[in-house]
Amino acid sequence: MSGPVSDEEKKREQDMLQHLVDVAFHEGVLVAIEEARKLNEPFLLDAFHDLLVDKLHDELVARDKIKQAE
């Protein structure tokens, strides 16, 4: 088990998540997912997935980046 995460590490993770969100909006969700996978950091991939599912889905639909499921 690892110890507590430093503020610096939390900031880096938040910056990476914001970068992936920006990629999703500007280049597409699939490009952002592929970039997240290439980082080879399972925590970030999982956090990005949660962010997409929980917070970005409606915004991506509104911006015509993805289609609403029927």
C-alpha atoms as a PDB file:
ATOM      1  CA  MET A   1       0.000   0.000   0.000  1.00  0.00           C
ATOM      2  CA  SER A   2       1.372   3.409  -0.868  1.00  0.00           C
ATOM      3  CA  GLY A   3       1.392   6.461   1.363  1.00  0.00           C
ATOM      4  CA  PRO A   4      -0.586   9.676   1.054  1.00  0.00           C
ATOM      5  CA  VAL A   5      -0.472  11.558  -2.224  1.00  0.00           C
ATOM      6  CA  SER A   6       1.398  14.852  -2.110  1.00  0.00           C
ATOM      7  CA  ASP A   7      -0.205  18.133  -3.141  1.00  0.00           C
ATOM      8  CA  GLU A   8       2.236  18.246  -6.046  1.00  0.00           C
ATOM      9  CA  GLU A   9       1.102  14.813  -7.264  1.00  0.00           C
ATOM     10  CA  LYS A  10      -2.574  15.792  -6.914  1.00  0.00           C
ATOM     11  CA  LYS A  11      -1.879  18.936  -8.974  1.00  0.00           C
ATOM     12  CA  ARG A  12      -0.118  16.889 -11.663  1.00  0.00           C
ATOM     13  CA  GLU A  13      -3.053  14.470 -11.838  1.00  0.00           C
ATOM     14  CA  GLN A  14      -5.558  17.331 -12.087  1.00  0.00           C
ATOM     15  CA  ASP A  15      -3.471  18.961 -14.820  1.00  0.00           C
ATOM     16  CA  MET A  16      -3.341  15.682 -16.766  1.00  0.00           C
ATOM     17  CA  LEU A  17      -7.104  15.197 -16.407  1.00  0.00           C
ATOM     18  CA  GLN A  18      -7.718  18.746 -17.632  1.00  0.00           C
ATOM     19  CA  HIS A  19      -5.428  18.111 -20.586  1.00  0.00           C
ATOM     20  CA  LEU A  20      -7.387  14.956 -21.466  1.00  0.00           C
ATOM     21  CA  VAL A  21     -10.666  16.884 -21.203  1.00  0.00           C
ATOM     22  CA  ASP A  22      -9.268  19.540 -23.541  1.00  0.00           C
ATOM     23  CA  VAL A  23      -8.197  16.850 -26.010  1.00  0.00           C
ATOM     24  CA  ALA A  24     -11.688  15.307 -25.834  1.00  0.00           C
ATOM     25  CA  PHE A  25     -13.318  18.633 -26.712  1.00  0.00           C
ATOM     26  CA  HIS A  26     -10.876  19.668 -29.428  1.00  0.00           C
ATOM     27  CA  GLU A  27      -9.760  16.407 -31.032  1.00  0.00           C
ATOM     28  CA  GLY A  28     -12.429  13.942 -29.976  1.00  0.00           C
ATOM     29  CA  VAL A  29     -13.123  11.491 -27.198  1.00  0.00           C
ATOM     30  CA  LEU A  30     -11.392   8.570 -28.907  1.00  0.00           C
ATOM     31  CA  VAL A  31      -8.173  10.556 -29.285  1.00  0.00           C
ATOM     32  CA  ALA A  32      -8.303  11.511 -25.589  1.00  0.00           C
ATOM     33  CA  ILE A  33      -8.913   7.914 -24.525  1.00  0.00           C
ATOM     34  CA  GLU A  34      -6.001   6.693 -26.626  1.00  0.00           C
ATOM     35  CA  GLU A  35      -3.754   9.365 -25.116  1.00  0.00           C
ATOM     36  CA  ALA A  36      -4.877   8.368 -21.608  1.00  0.00           C
ATOM     37  CA  ARG A  37      -4.060   4.728 -22.361  1.00  0.00           C
ATOM     38  CA  LYS A  38      -0.604   5.629 -23.631  1.00  0.00           C
ATOM     39  CA  LEU A  39       0.175   7.333 -20.318  1.00  0.00           C
ATOM     40  CA  ASN A  40       0.130   3.847 -18.795  1.00  0.00           C
ATOM     41  CA  GLU A  41      -1.261   5.207 -15.536  1.00  0.00           C
ATOM     42  CA  PRO A  42      -4.337   3.154 -14.636  1.00  0.00           C
ATOM     43  CA  PHE A  43      -5.446   5.650 -11.999  1.00  0.00           C
ATOM     44  CA  LEU A  44      -5.576   8.482 -14.543  1.00  0.00           C
ATOM     45  CA  LEU A  45      -7.417   6.337 -17.087  1.00  0.00           C
ATOM     46  CA  ASP A  46      -9.971   5.388 -14.445  1.00  0.00           C
ATOM     47  CA  ALA A  47     -10.335   8.987 -13.231  1.00  0.00           C
ATOM     48  CA  PHE A  48     -10.761  10.184 -16.832  1.00  0.00           C
ATOM     49  CA  HIS A  49     -13.414   7.534 -17.421  1.00  0.00           C
ATOM     50  CA  ASP A  50     -15.289   8.648 -14.306  1.00  0.00           C
ATOM     51  CA  LEU A  51     -15.042  12.265 -15.400  1.00  0.00           C
ATOM     52  CA  LEU A  52     -16.385  11.469 -18.860  1.00  0.00           C
ATOM     53  CA  VAL A  53     -19.256   9.408 -17.523  1.00  0.00           C
ATOM     54  CA  ASP A  54     -20.212  11.611 -14.593  1.00  0.00           C
ATOM     55  CA  LYS A  55     -19.564  15.163 -15.722  1.00  0.00           C
ATOM     56  CA  LEU A  56     -18.737  15.546 -19.387  1.00  0.00           C
ATOM     57  CA  HIS A  57     -21.307  13.398 -21.149  1.00  0.00           C
ATOM     58  CA  ASP A  58     -24.002  16.076 -21.326  1.00  0.00           C
ATOM     59  CA  GLU A  59     -21.509  18.737 -22.391  1.00  0.00           C
ATOM     60  CA  LEU A  60     -20.065  16.517 -25.125  1.00  0.00           C
ATOM     61  CA  VAL A  61     -23.583  15.854 -26.442  1.00  0.00           C
ATOM     62  CA  ALA A  62     -24.375  19.575 -26.369  1.00  0.00           C
ATOM     63  CA  ARG A  63     -21.218  20.331 -28.373  1.00  0.00           C
ATOM     64  CA  ASP A  64     -21.972  17.555 -30.896  1.00  0.00           C
ATOM     65  CA  LYS A  65     -18.781  15.692 -29.958  1.00  0.00           C
ATOM     66  CA  ILE A  66     -20.777  12.537 -29.245  1.00  0.00           C
ATOM     67  CA  LYS A  67     -24.330  11.439 -29.978  1.00  0.00           C
ATOM     68  CA  GLN A  68     -26.956  10.922 -27.295  1.00  0.00           C
ATOM     69  CA  ALA A  69     -27.750   7.234 -26.807  1.00  0.00           C
ATOM     70  CA  GLU A  70     -31.309   6.370 -27.710  1.00  0.00           C
END
